[in-house]
Amino acid sequence: MSEIRIRDAAELLGVSDDTVRRWIDQGLLHAGKDAAGRKVVDGRELAEFARAQAESAPDPLGVGSSARNRFVGLVTRVVSDAVMSQVEMQCGPHRVVSLMSTEAVQELGLEPGSIGVAVVKATNVIVETPGGSE
């Protein structure tokens, strides 16, 4: 069982320590104590809670797609040359960067302040964990 300290749980969820403590007080999360007597939450329960709490912005496109990773966001930066462009979006707490043709940027009217949907369909996703293996 993975035990996560309140401070770390708050950081992972993008909220304050006090918010996590309120959720515990309200019975939305259950807390225990670790070997040092610090308040902790079960990692599996925190994951389920995070998933249930996740709210994404409504997808303005309303199209069918096989891609499950659709992030509605605000274009924050566009860097273009004659052929290629780098488009940066802020999708909730996540920064998403896309490389595309400058022609596509112009056709889509992408500029800072415009709303877009970043669609990610990847066959390779790297997952890392803290610390090293010994």
Protein backbone atom coordinates (compact mmCIF):
# COMPACT_ATOMS: atom_id res chain seq x y z
CA MET A 1 0.00 0.00 0.00
CA SER A 2 1.34 3.41 -0.98
CA GLU A 3 1.02 6.05 1.74
CA ILE A 4 1.12 9.70 0.68
CA ARG A 5 1.70 12.57 3.07
CA ILE A 6 -0.88 15.36 3.14
CA ARG A 7 1.59 17.90 1.72
CA ASP A 8 2.43 15.59 -1.20
CA ALA A 9 -1.23 14.73 -1.83
CA ALA A 10 -2.05 18.45 -2.00
CA GLU A 11 0.75 19.06 -4.47
CA LEU A 12 -0.35 16.17 -6.68
CA LEU A 13 -3.94 17.42 -6.71
CA GLY A 14 -3.00 21.07 -7.22
CA VAL A 15 -4.65 22.26 -4.00
CA SER A 16 -3.50 23.47 -0.60
CA ASP A 17 -2.68 21.27 2.38
CA ASP A 18 -5.69 22.81 4.14
CA THR A 19 -7.99 21.70 1.33
CA VAL A 20 -6.84 18.08 1.69
CA ARG A 21 -7.32 18.33 5.47
CA ARG A 22 -10.86 19.69 4.92
CA TRP A 23 -11.63 16.76 2.61
CA ILE A 24 -10.41 14.42 5.34
CA ASP A 25 -12.52 16.22 7.98
CA GLN A 26 -15.55 16.00 5.66
CA GLY A 27 -15.02 12.26 5.22
CA LEU A 28 -14.26 12.57 1.51
CA LEU A 29 -10.78 11.10 2.08
CA HIS A 30 -9.64 8.83 4.86
CA ALA A 31 -6.36 9.38 6.64
CA GLY A 32 -4.09 7.19 8.70
CA LYS A 33 -0.72 7.68 10.34
CA ASP A 34 2.65 6.57 9.04
CA ALA A 35 5.42 5.05 11.17
CA ALA A 36 6.55 8.56 12.18
CA GLY A 37 3.02 9.54 13.26
CA ARG A 38 2.39 11.87 10.30
CA LYS A 39 -1.05 11.96 8.71
CA VAL A 40 -1.13 10.10 5.36
CA VAL A 41 -3.69 9.00 2.79
CA ASP A 42 -3.73 5.73 0.91
CA GLY A 43 -2.32 6.16 -2.60
CA ARG A 44 -5.00 4.00 -4.23
CA GLU A 45 -7.80 5.95 -2.53
CA LEU A 46 -6.17 9.25 -3.52
CA ALA A 47 -5.97 8.09 -7.14
CA GLU A 48 -9.67 7.18 -7.16
CA PHE A 49 -10.53 10.50 -5.52
CA ALA A 50 -8.43 12.45 -8.05
CA ARG A 51 -10.12 10.70 -10.94
CA ALA A 52 -13.59 11.39 -9.52
CA GLN A 53 -12.75 15.06 -8.92
CA ALA A 54 -11.17 15.68 -12.30
CA GLU A 55 -13.15 18.17 -14.31
CA SER A 56 -12.18 19.00 -17.82
CA ALA A 57 -13.47 21.91 -19.83
CA PRO A 58 -16.23 20.97 -22.25
CA ASP A 59 -14.92 20.01 -25.67
CA PRO A 60 -16.16 22.72 -28.05
CA LEU A 61 -15.58 20.53 -31.10
CA GLY A 62 -18.05 17.78 -30.29
CA VAL A 63 -16.52 15.36 -32.78
CA GLY A 64 -16.11 11.62 -32.50
CA SER A 65 -12.54 10.40 -32.14
CA SER A 66 -10.62 7.30 -31.17
CA ALA A 67 -8.21 9.48 -29.17
CA ARG A 68 -9.17 9.47 -25.49
CA ASN A 69 -6.75 12.20 -24.48
CA ARG A 70 -8.41 15.47 -25.42
CA PHE A 71 -7.29 18.59 -23.58
CA VAL A 72 -9.25 21.80 -24.02
CA GLY A 73 -7.02 24.79 -23.47
CA LEU A 74 -5.90 28.28 -24.23
CA VAL A 75 -3.18 28.97 -26.77
CA THR A 76 -0.48 30.85 -24.87
CA ARG A 77 2.34 31.12 -27.42
CA VAL A 78 2.97 30.54 -31.13
CA VAL A 79 6.49 30.58 -32.57
CA SER A 80 6.58 30.28 -36.36
CA ASP A 81 9.06 30.29 -39.20
CA ALA A 82 8.31 29.92 -42.90
CA VAL A 83 7.58 26.19 -42.65
CA MET A 84 7.02 25.02 -39.04
CA SER A 85 5.41 26.38 -35.87
CA GLN A 86 5.50 25.58 -32.19
CA VAL A 87 2.13 26.05 -30.48
CA GLU A 88 1.95 26.11 -26.69
CA MET A 89 -1.32 25.63 -24.84
CA GLN A 90 -2.29 25.76 -21.20
CA CYS A 91 -4.82 22.99 -20.57
CA GLY A 92 -5.77 23.27 -16.92
CA PRO A 93 -2.55 22.77 -14.98
CA HIS A 94 -0.84 21.17 -17.97
CA ARG A 95 1.31 22.81 -20.62
CA VAL A 96 0.92 21.09 -23.98
CA VAL A 97 3.31 21.82 -26.87
CA SER A 98 2.59 20.89 -30.48
CA LEU A 99 4.77 21.16 -33.57
CA MET A 100 2.86 21.66 -36.80
CA SER A 101 3.15 23.38 -40.13
CA THR A 102 2.86 27.15 -40.20
CA GLU A 103 0.22 26.68 -42.87
CA ALA A 104 -1.90 24.70 -40.38
CA VAL A 105 -1.46 27.40 -37.72
CA GLN A 106 -2.69 30.02 -40.18
CA GLU A 107 -5.63 27.90 -41.40
CA LEU A 108 -6.73 27.22 -37.79
CA GLY A 109 -6.24 30.84 -36.76
CA LEU A 110 -4.10 29.83 -33.80
CA GLU A 111 -2.78 32.76 -31.81
CA PRO A 112 -2.33 33.57 -28.12
CA GLY A 113 -5.77 33.78 -26.56
CA SER A 114 -7.53 31.40 -28.93
CA ILE A 115 -9.14 28.22 -27.62
CA GLY A 116 -8.13 24.84 -28.95
CA VAL A 117 -8.31 21.16 -28.21
CA ALA A 118 -5.04 19.24 -28.00
CA VAL A 119 -5.68 15.66 -29.11
CA VAL A 120 -3.04 13.13 -28.09
CA LYS A 121 -2.95 9.63 -29.56
CA ALA A 122 0.33 8.02 -28.63
CA THR A 123 1.55 4.47 -28.89
CA ASN A 124 4.55 5.30 -26.70
CA VAL A 125 4.01 6.89 -23.32
CA ILE A 126 6.86 6.97 -20.84
CA VAL A 127 5.97 6.67 -17.15
CA GLU A 128 8.65 7.43 -14.58
CA THR A 129 8.70 7.03 -10.82
CA PRO A 130 10.64 8.96 -8.20
CA GLY A 131 13.98 7.60 -7.01
CA GLY A 132 16.31 5.09 -8.58
CA SER A 133 16.36 1.34 -8.67
CA GLU A 134 19.09 -0.44 -6.78
